[in-house]
Amino acid sequence: MKKRPLVGWVIDGGKKGKYKGLSMHGRAEEVRDRKLRARLYAAFGRKYFGSADHRRHKEIWGEVDDPETVFVHLKVADGFWWEY
């Protein structure tokens, strides 16, 4: 993504006969701001594990300032939603 930051992504879900989703494209940018990275890290920990201190969260994401962990901001240029 550093060489070619133009990306596309899809978020979808639902149950049989009631699928819906969102398709988007835009630009990927690495989040480098330390305060924003810390907020994102904590938010992911709360959402998926109940706490950023949860053992499993740290196994997956490392520590809050782990240089191996990359956060990506997807800047939407255009998109559309669908359902069927």
PDB file of N, CA and C in Angstrom:
ATOM      1  N   MET A   1       0.819  -1.194   0.000  1.00  0.00           N
ATOM      2  CA  MET A   1       0.000   0.000   0.000  1.00  0.00           C
ATOM      3  C   MET A   1       0.860   1.254   0.000  1.00  0.00           C
ATOM      4  N   LYS A   2       2.118   1.132   0.436  1.00  0.00           N
ATOM      5  CA  LYS A   2       2.987   2.305   0.396  1.00  0.00           C
ATOM      6  C   LYS A   2       3.277   2.715  -1.036  1.00  0.00           C
ATOM      7  N   LYS A   3       3.474   1.732  -1.918  1.00  0.00           N
ATOM      8  CA  LYS A   3       3.778   2.037  -3.314  1.00  0.00           C
ATOM      9  C   LYS A   3       2.533   2.413  -4.111  1.00  0.00           C
ATOM     10  N   ARG A   4       1.431   1.719  -3.827  1.00  0.00           N
ATOM     11  CA  ARG A   4       0.173   1.963  -4.539  1.00  0.00           C
ATOM     12  C   ARG A   4      -0.956   2.076  -3.526  1.00  0.00           C
ATOM     13  N   PRO A   5      -1.190   3.268  -3.006  1.00  0.00           N
ATOM     14  CA  PRO A   5      -2.162   3.420  -1.926  1.00  0.00           C
ATOM     15  C   PRO A   5      -3.633   3.402  -2.349  1.00  0.00           C
ATOM     16  N   LEU A   6      -3.919   3.257  -3.638  1.00  0.00           N
ATOM     17  CA  LEU A   6      -5.319   3.188  -4.062  1.00  0.00           C
ATOM     18  C   LEU A   6      -5.844   1.796  -3.773  1.00  0.00           C
ATOM     19  N   VAL A   7      -6.900   1.717  -2.967  1.00  0.00           N
ATOM     20  CA  VAL A   7      -7.429   0.436  -2.510  1.00  0.00           C
ATOM     21  C   VAL A   7      -8.944   0.391  -2.644  1.00  0.00           C
ATOM     22  N   GLY A   8      -9.470  -0.810  -2.587  1.00  0.00           N
ATOM     23  CA  GLY A   8     -10.905  -1.032  -2.536  1.00  0.00           C
ATOM     24  C   GLY A   8     -11.203  -1.976  -1.392  1.00  0.00           C
ATOM     25  N   TRP A   9     -12.400  -1.874  -0.808  1.00  0.00           N
ATOM     26  CA  TRP A   9     -12.771  -2.758   0.283  1.00  0.00           C
ATOM     27  C   TRP A   9     -14.271  -2.920   0.328  1.00  0.00           C
ATOM     28  N   VAL A  10     -14.702  -4.017   0.937  1.00  0.00           N
ATOM     29  CA  VAL A  10     -16.117  -4.361   1.041  1.00  0.00           C
ATOM     30  C   VAL A  10     -16.421  -4.746   2.480  1.00  0.00           C
ATOM     31  N   ILE A  11     -17.545  -4.282   2.972  1.00  0.00           N
ATOM     32  CA  ILE A  11     -18.080  -4.706   4.261  1.00  0.00           C
ATOM     33  C   ILE A  11     -19.443  -5.300   3.949  1.00  0.00           C
ATOM     34  N   ASP A  12     -19.654  -6.558   4.324  1.00  0.00           N
ATOM     35  CA  ASP A  12     -20.943  -7.176   4.021  1.00  0.00           C
ATOM     36  C   ASP A  12     -21.360  -8.119   5.137  1.00  0.00           C
ATOM     37  N   GLY A  13     -22.609  -8.518   5.071  1.00  0.00           N
ATOM     38  CA  GLY A  13     -23.126  -9.439   6.076  1.00  0.00           C
ATOM     39  C   GLY A  13     -24.604  -9.677   5.874  1.00  0.00           C
ATOM     40  N   GLY A  14     -25.190 -10.368   6.815  1.00  0.00           N
ATOM     41  CA  GLY A  14     -26.607 -10.658   6.754  1.00  0.00           C
ATOM     42  C   GLY A  14     -26.883 -12.140   6.825  1.00  0.00           C
ATOM     43  N   LYS A  15     -28.135 -12.466   6.658  1.00  0.00           N
ATOM     44  CA  LYS A  15     -28.586 -13.855   6.665  1.00  0.00           C
ATOM     45  C   LYS A  15     -29.143 -14.193   5.290  1.00  0.00           C
ATOM     46  N   LYS A  16     -29.240 -15.467   5.000  1.00  0.00           N
ATOM     47  CA  LYS A  16     -29.723 -15.930   3.700  1.00  0.00           C
ATOM     48  C   LYS A  16     -31.004 -15.197   3.298  1.00  0.00           C
ATOM     49  N   GLY A  17     -30.949 -14.606   2.123  1.00  0.00           N
ATOM     50  CA  GLY A  17     -32.090 -13.855   1.619  1.00  0.00           C
ATOM     51  C   GLY A  17     -32.132 -12.403   2.054  1.00  0.00           C
ATOM     52  N   LYS A  18     -31.239 -12.000   2.935  1.00  0.00           N
ATOM     53  CA  LYS A  18     -31.221 -10.614   3.415  1.00  0.00           C
ATOM     54  C   LYS A  18     -29.783 -10.130   3.562  1.00  0.00           C
ATOM     55  N   TYR A  19     -29.028 -10.219   2.467  1.00  0.00           N
ATOM     56  CA  TYR A  19     -27.644  -9.766   2.482  1.00  0.00           C
ATOM     57  C   TYR A  19     -27.578  -8.281   2.164  1.00  0.00           C
ATOM     58  N   LYS A  20     -26.618  -7.606   2.756  1.00  0.00           N
ATOM     59  CA  LYS A  20     -26.391  -6.207   2.425  1.00  0.00           C
ATOM     60  C   LYS A  20     -24.920  -5.892   2.649  1.00  0.00           C
ATOM     61  N   GLY A  21     -24.495  -4.830   2.010  1.00  0.00           N
ATOM     62  CA  GLY A  21     -23.098  -4.472   2.166  1.00  0.00           C
ATOM     63  C   GLY A  21     -22.785  -3.111   1.592  1.00  0.00           C
ATOM     64  N   LEU A  22     -21.522  -2.775   1.687  1.00  0.00           N
ATOM     65  CA  LEU A  22     -21.007  -1.496   1.237  1.00  0.00           C
ATOM     66  C   LEU A  22     -19.684  -1.747   0.537  1.00  0.00           C
ATOM     67  N   SER A  23     -19.549  -1.262  -0.679  1.00  0.00           N
ATOM     68  CA  SER A  23     -18.300  -1.367  -1.439  1.00  0.00           C
ATOM     69  C   SER A  23     -17.744   0.038  -1.614  1.00  0.00           C
ATOM     70  N   MET A  24     -16.450   0.196  -1.327  1.00  0.00           N
ATOM     71  CA  MET A  24     -15.840   1.522  -1.382  1.00  0.00           C
ATOM     72  C   MET A  24     -14.466   1.443  -2.031  1.00  0.00           C
ATOM     73  N   HIS A  25     -13.985   2.583  -2.468  1.00  0.00           N
ATOM     74  CA  HIS A  25     -12.596   2.673  -2.917  1.00  0.00           C
ATOM     75  C   HIS A  25     -12.060   4.028  -2.516  1.00  0.00           C
ATOM     76  N   GLY A  26     -10.750   4.088  -2.411  1.00  0.00           N
ATOM     77  CA  GLY A  26     -10.119   5.328  -1.981  1.00  0.00           C
ATOM     78  C   GLY A  26      -8.634   5.136  -1.765  1.00  0.00           C
ATOM     79  N   ARG A  27      -8.121   5.823  -0.788  1.00  0.00           N
ATOM     80  CA  ARG A  27      -6.682   5.867  -0.536  1.00  0.00           C
ATOM     81  C   ARG A  27      -6.383   5.356   0.876  1.00  0.00           C
ATOM     82  N   ALA A  28      -5.350   4.535   0.987  1.00  0.00           N
ATOM     83  CA  ALA A  28      -4.903   4.028   2.288  1.00  0.00           C
ATOM     84  C   ALA A  28      -3.759   4.896   2.789  1.00  0.00           C
ATOM     85  N   GLU A  29      -3.866   5.298   4.063  1.00  0.00           N
ATOM     86  CA  GLU A  29      -2.808   6.104   4.677  1.00  0.00           C
ATOM     87  C   GLU A  29      -2.468   5.515   6.038  1.00  0.00           C
ATOM     88  N   GLU A  30      -1.194   5.362   6.335  1.00  0.00           N
ATOM     89  CA  GLU A  30      -0.776   4.844   7.627  1.00  0.00           C
ATOM     90  C   GLU A  30      -1.053   5.883   8.717  1.00  0.00           C
ATOM     91  N   VAL A  31      -1.600   5.424   9.840  1.00  0.00           N
ATOM     92  CA  VAL A  31      -1.832   6.298  10.990  1.00  0.00           C
ATOM     93  C   VAL A  31      -0.535   6.328  11.798  1.00  0.00           C
ATOM     94  N   ARG A  32       0.085   7.485  11.874  1.00  0.00           N
ATOM     95  CA  ARG A  32       1.360   7.621  12.579  1.00  0.00           C
ATOM     96  C   ARG A  32       1.251   8.409  13.878  1.00  0.00           C
ATOM     97  N   ASP A  33       0.194   9.189  14.026  1.00  0.00           N
ATOM     98  CA  ASP A  33       0.016   9.993  15.236  1.00  0.00           C
ATOM     99  C   ASP A  33      -0.113   9.072  16.445  1.00  0.00           C
ATOM    100  N   ARG A  34       0.756   9.227  17.431  1.00  0.00           N
ATOM    101  CA  ARG A  34       0.806   8.329  18.596  1.00  0.00           C
ATOM    102  C   ARG A  34      -0.479   8.351  19.414  1.00  0.00           C
ATOM    103  N   LYS A  35      -1.071   9.526  19.586  1.00  0.00           N
ATOM    104  CA  LYS A  35      -2.303   9.620  20.372  1.00  0.00           C
ATOM    105  C   LYS A  35      -3.468   8.917  19.665  1.00  0.00           C
ATOM    106  N   LEU A  36      -3.566   9.117  18.364  1.00  0.00           N
ATOM    107  CA  LEU A  36      -4.632   8.456  17.608  1.00  0.00           C
ATOM    108  C   LEU A  36      -4.414   6.942  17.596  1.00  0.00           C
ATOM    109  N   ARG A  37      -3.180   6.492  17.429  1.00  0.00           N
ATOM    110  CA  ARG A  37      -2.875   5.053  17.472  1.00  0.00           C
ATOM    111  C   ARG A  37      -3.302   4.463  18.816  1.00  0.00           C
ATOM    112  N   ALA A  38      -3.018   5.176  19.902  1.00  0.00           N
ATOM    113  CA  ALA A  38      -3.389   4.693  21.235  1.00  0.00           C
ATOM    114  C   ALA A  38      -4.910   4.609  21.380  1.00  0.00           C
ATOM    115  N   ARG A  39      -5.632   5.592  20.848  1.00  0.00           N
ATOM    116  CA  ARG A  39      -7.101   5.569  20.911  1.00  0.00           C
ATOM    117  C   ARG A  39      -7.664   4.406  20.107  1.00  0.00           C
ATOM    118  N   LEU A  40      -7.112   4.178  18.907  1.00  0.00           N
ATOM    119  CA  LEU A  40      -7.570   3.062  18.075  1.00  0.00           C
ATOM    120  C   LEU A  40      -7.279   1.723  18.748  1.00  0.00           C
ATOM    121  N   TYR A  41      -6.092   1.593  19.301  1.00  0.00           N
ATOM    122  CA  TYR A  41      -5.689   0.370  19.995  1.00  0.00           C
ATOM    123  C   TYR A  41      -6.668   0.063  21.134  1.00  0.00           C
ATOM    124  N   ALA A  42      -6.972   1.070  21.937  1.00  0.00           N
ATOM    125  CA  ALA A  42      -7.898   0.897  23.061  1.00  0.00           C
ATOM    126  C   ALA A  42      -9.306   0.560  22.563  1.00  0.00           C
ATOM    127  N   ALA A  43      -9.747   1.224  21.491  1.00  0.00           N
ATOM    128  CA  ALA A  43     -11.089   0.980  20.958  1.00  0.00           C
ATOM    129  C   ALA A  43     -11.231  -0.446  20.432  1.00  0.00           C
ATOM    130  N   PHE A  44     -10.218  -0.946  19.722  1.00  0.00           N
ATOM    131  CA  PHE A  44     -10.263  -2.328  19.234  1.00  0.00           C
ATOM    132  C   PHE A  44     -10.271  -3.310  20.399  1.00  0.00           C
ATOM    133  N   GLY A  45      -9.477  -3.028  21.419  1.00  0.00           N
ATOM    134  CA  GLY A  45      -9.453  -3.893  22.601  1.00  0.00           C
ATOM    135  C   GLY A  45     -10.805  -3.967  23.287  1.00  0.00           C
ATOM    136  N   ARG A  46     -11.450  -2.809  23.458  1.00  0.00           N
ATOM    137  CA  ARG A  46     -12.777  -2.778  24.094  1.00  0.00           C
ATOM    138  C   ARG A  46     -13.813  -3.492  23.233  1.00  0.00           C
ATOM    139  N   LYS A  47     -13.795  -3.216  21.930  1.00  0.00           N
ATOM    140  CA  LYS A  47     -14.811  -3.785  21.045  1.00  0.00           C
ATOM    141  C   LYS A  47     -14.737  -5.303  20.970  1.00  0.00           C
ATOM    142  N   TYR A  48     -13.553  -5.844  20.782  1.00  0.00           N
ATOM    143  CA  TYR A  48     -13.425  -7.273  20.525  1.00  0.00           C
ATOM    144  C   TYR A  48     -13.093  -8.120  21.753  1.00  0.00           C
ATOM    145  N   PHE A  49     -12.561  -7.511  22.822  1.00  0.00           N
ATOM    146  CA  PHE A  49     -12.149  -8.299  23.980  1.00  0.00           C
ATOM    147  C   PHE A  49     -12.625  -7.726  25.313  1.00  0.00           C
ATOM    148  N   GLY A  50     -13.322  -6.595  25.285  1.00  0.00           N
ATOM    149  CA  GLY A  50     -13.798  -5.993  26.515  1.00  0.00           C
ATOM    150  C   GLY A  50     -12.783  -5.074  27.179  1.00  0.00           C
ATOM    151  N   SER A  51     -11.520  -5.186  26.768  1.00  0.00           N
ATOM    152  CA  SER A  51     -10.459  -4.364  27.356  1.00  0.00           C
ATOM    153  C   SER A  51      -9.205  -4.451  26.495  1.00  0.00           C
ATOM    154  N   ALA A  52      -8.474  -3.345  26.423  1.00  0.00           N
ATOM    155  CA  ALA A  52      -7.203  -3.348  25.693  1.00  0.00           C
ATOM    156  C   ALA A  52      -6.140  -4.127  26.460  1.00  0.00           C
ATOM    157  N   ASP A  53      -6.397  -4.441  27.718  1.00  0.00           N
ATOM    158  CA  ASP A  53      -5.448  -5.206  28.527  1.00  0.00           C
ATOM    159  C   ASP A  53      -5.663  -6.715  28.426  1.00  0.00           C
ATOM    160  N   HIS A  54      -6.689  -7.130  27.704  1.00  0.00           N
ATOM    161  CA  HIS A  54      -6.992  -8.555  27.573  1.00  0.00           C
ATOM    162  C   HIS A  54      -5.812  -9.281  26.923  1.00  0.00           C
ATOM    163  N   ARG A  55      -5.481 -10.437  27.448  1.00  0.00           N
ATOM    164  CA  ARG A  55      -4.338 -11.224  26.966  1.00  0.00           C
ATOM    165  C   ARG A  55      -4.418 -11.494  25.455  1.00  0.00           C
ATOM    166  N   ARG A  56      -5.564 -11.895  24.981  1.00  0.00           N
ATOM    167  CA  ARG A  56      -5.719 -12.232  23.553  1.00  0.00           C
ATOM    168  C   ARG A  56      -5.528 -10.995  22.673  1.00  0.00           C
ATOM    169  N   HIS A  57      -6.033  -9.863  23.122  1.00  0.00           N
ATOM    170  CA  HIS A  57      -5.854  -8.611  22.370  1.00  0.00           C
ATOM    171  C   HIS A  57      -4.370  -8.308  22.202  1.00  0.00           C
ATOM    172  N   LYS A  58      -3.610  -8.452  23.278  1.00  0.00           N
ATOM    173  CA  LYS A  58      -2.169  -8.174  23.214  1.00  0.00           C
ATOM    174  C   LYS A  58      -1.431  -9.196  22.358  1.00  0.00           C
ATOM    175  N   GLU A  59      -1.908 -10.445  22.329  1.00  0.00           N
ATOM    176  CA  GLU A  59      -1.297 -11.459  21.471  1.00  0.00           C
ATOM    177  C   GLU A  59      -1.446 -11.076  19.999  1.00  0.00           C
ATOM    178  N   ILE A  60      -2.595 -10.538  19.653  1.00  0.00           N
ATOM    179  CA  ILE A  60      -2.880 -10.197  18.257  1.00  0.00           C
ATOM    180  C   ILE A  60      -2.243  -8.863  17.870  1.00  0.00           C
ATOM    181  N   TRP A  61      -2.423  -7.829  18.693  1.00  0.00           N
ATOM    182  CA  TRP A  61      -2.008  -6.473  18.341  1.00  0.00           C
ATOM    183  C   TRP A  61      -0.646  -6.073  18.894  1.00  0.00           C
ATOM    184  N   GLY A  62      -0.100  -6.854  19.832  1.00  0.00           N
ATOM    185  CA  GLY A  62       1.141  -6.435  20.479  1.00  0.00           C
ATOM    186  C   GLY A  62       0.834  -5.375  21.522  1.00  0.00           C
ATOM    187  N   GLU A  63       1.845  -4.647  21.907  1.00  0.00           N
ATOM    188  CA  GLU A  63       1.650  -3.545  22.853  1.00  0.00           C
ATOM    189  C   GLU A  63       1.172  -2.314  22.085  1.00  0.00           C
ATOM    190  N   VAL A  64       0.680  -1.329  22.791  1.00  0.00           N
ATOM    191  CA  VAL A  64       0.099  -0.137  22.167  1.00  0.00           C
ATOM    192  C   VAL A  64       1.075   0.567  21.222  1.00  0.00           C
ATOM    193  N   ASP A  65       2.348   0.558  21.540  1.00  0.00           N
ATOM    194  CA  ASP A  65       3.333   1.258  20.698  1.00  0.00           C
ATOM    195  C   ASP A  65       4.207   0.298  19.897  1.00  0.00           C
ATOM    196  N   ASP A  66       3.721  -0.913  19.655  1.00  0.00           N
ATOM    197  CA  ASP A  66       4.470  -1.924  18.910  1.00  0.00           C
ATOM    198  C   ASP A  66       4.749  -1.433  17.485  1.00  0.00           C
ATOM    199  N   PRO A  67       6.025  -1.305  17.092  1.00  0.00           N
ATOM    200  CA  PRO A  67       6.347  -0.819  15.751  1.00  0.00           C
ATOM    201  C   PRO A  67       5.951  -1.795  14.638  1.00  0.00           C
ATOM    202  N   GLU A  68       5.656  -3.037  14.992  1.00  0.00           N
ATOM    203  CA  GLU A  68       5.235  -4.032  14.000  1.00  0.00           C
ATOM    204  C   GLU A  68       3.753  -3.921  13.658  1.00  0.00           C
ATOM    205  N   THR A  69       2.993  -3.195  14.474  1.00  0.00           N
ATOM    206  CA  THR A  69       1.566  -3.034  14.241  1.00  0.00           C
ATOM    207  C   THR A  69       1.324  -1.769  13.422  1.00  0.00           C
ATOM    208  N   VAL A  70       0.588  -1.928  12.338  1.00  0.00           N
ATOM    209  CA  VAL A  70       0.291  -0.799  11.449  1.00  0.00           C
ATOM    210  C   VAL A  70      -1.216  -0.549  11.463  1.00  0.00           C
ATOM    211  N   PHE A  71      -1.600   0.692  11.687  1.00  0.00           N
ATOM    212  CA  PHE A  71      -2.992   1.106  11.591  1.00  0.00           C
ATOM    213  C   PHE A  71      -3.145   1.852  10.273  1.00  0.00           C
ATOM    214  N   VAL A  72      -4.214   1.538   9.544  1.00  0.00           N
ATOM    215  CA  VAL A  72      -4.434   2.146   8.233  1.00  0.00           C
ATOM    216  C   VAL A  72      -5.751   2.908   8.243  1.00  0.00           C
ATOM    217  N   HIS A  73      -5.699   4.153   7.799  1.00  0.00           N
ATOM    218  CA  HIS A  73      -6.895   4.976   7.630  1.00  0.00           C
ATOM    219  C   HIS A  73      -7.281   4.878   6.162  1.00  0.00           C
ATOM    220  N   LEU A  74      -8.517   4.463   5.902  1.00  0.00           N
ATOM    221  CA  LEU A  74      -9.003   4.341   4.536  1.00  0.00           C
ATOM    222  C   LEU A  74      -9.830   5.577   4.205  1.00  0.00           C
ATOM    223  N   LYS A  75      -9.295   6.422   3.339  1.00  0.00           N
ATOM    224  CA  LYS A  75      -9.986   7.652   2.950  1.00  0.00           C
ATOM    225  C   LYS A  75     -10.855   7.361   1.730  1.00  0.00           C
ATOM    226  N   VAL A  76     -12.157   7.396   1.929  1.00  0.00           N
ATOM    227  CA  VAL A  76     -13.117   7.027   0.887  1.00  0.00           C
ATOM    228  C   VAL A  76     -13.181   8.092  -0.203  1.00  0.00           C
ATOM    229  N   ALA A  77     -13.077   7.649  -1.456  1.00  0.00           N
ATOM    230  CA  ALA A  77     -13.273   8.531  -2.601  1.00  0.00           C
ATOM    231  C   ALA A  77     -14.696   8.368  -3.147  1.00  0.00           C
ATOM    232  N   ASP A  78     -15.179   7.120  -3.150  1.00  0.00           N
ATOM    233  CA  ASP A  78     -16.516   6.841  -3.661  1.00  0.00           C
ATOM    234  C   ASP A  78     -16.919   5.435  -3.216  1.00  0.00           C
ATOM    235  N   GLY A  79     -18.199   5.156  -3.319  1.00  0.00           N
ATOM    236  CA  GLY A  79     -18.684   3.830  -2.944  1.00  0.00           C
ATOM    237  C   GLY A  79     -20.166   3.697  -3.199  1.00  0.00           C
ATOM    238  N   PHE A  80     -20.680   2.542  -2.899  1.00  0.00           N
ATOM    239  CA  PHE A  80     -22.105   2.285  -3.056  1.00  0.00           C
ATOM    240  C   PHE A  80     -22.512   1.173  -2.092  1.00  0.00           C
ATOM    241  N   TRP A  81     -23.804   1.134  -1.756  1.00  0.00           N
ATOM    242  CA  TRP A  81     -24.316   0.078  -0.898  1.00  0.00           C
ATOM    243  C   TRP A  81     -25.242  -0.806  -1.729  1.00  0.00           C
ATOM    244  N   TRP A  82     -25.447  -1.999  -1.235  1.00  0.00           N
ATOM    245  CA  TRP A  82     -26.302  -2.945  -1.945  1.00  0.00           C
ATOM    246  C   TRP A  82     -26.970  -3.884  -0.949  1.00  0.00           C
ATOM    247  N   GLU A  83     -28.057  -4.478  -1.418  1.00  0.00           N
ATOM    248  CA  GLU A  83     -28.717  -5.512  -0.635  1.00  0.00           C
ATOM    249  C   GLU A  83     -29.504  -6.411  -1.581  1.00  0.00           C
ATOM    250  N   TYR A  84     -29.625  -7.660  -1.161  1.00  0.00           N
ATOM    251  CA  TYR A  84     -30.423  -8.625  -1.919  1.00  0.00           C
ATOM    252  C   TYR A  84     -30.809  -9.786  -1.042  1.00  0.00           C
TER     253      TYR A  84
END
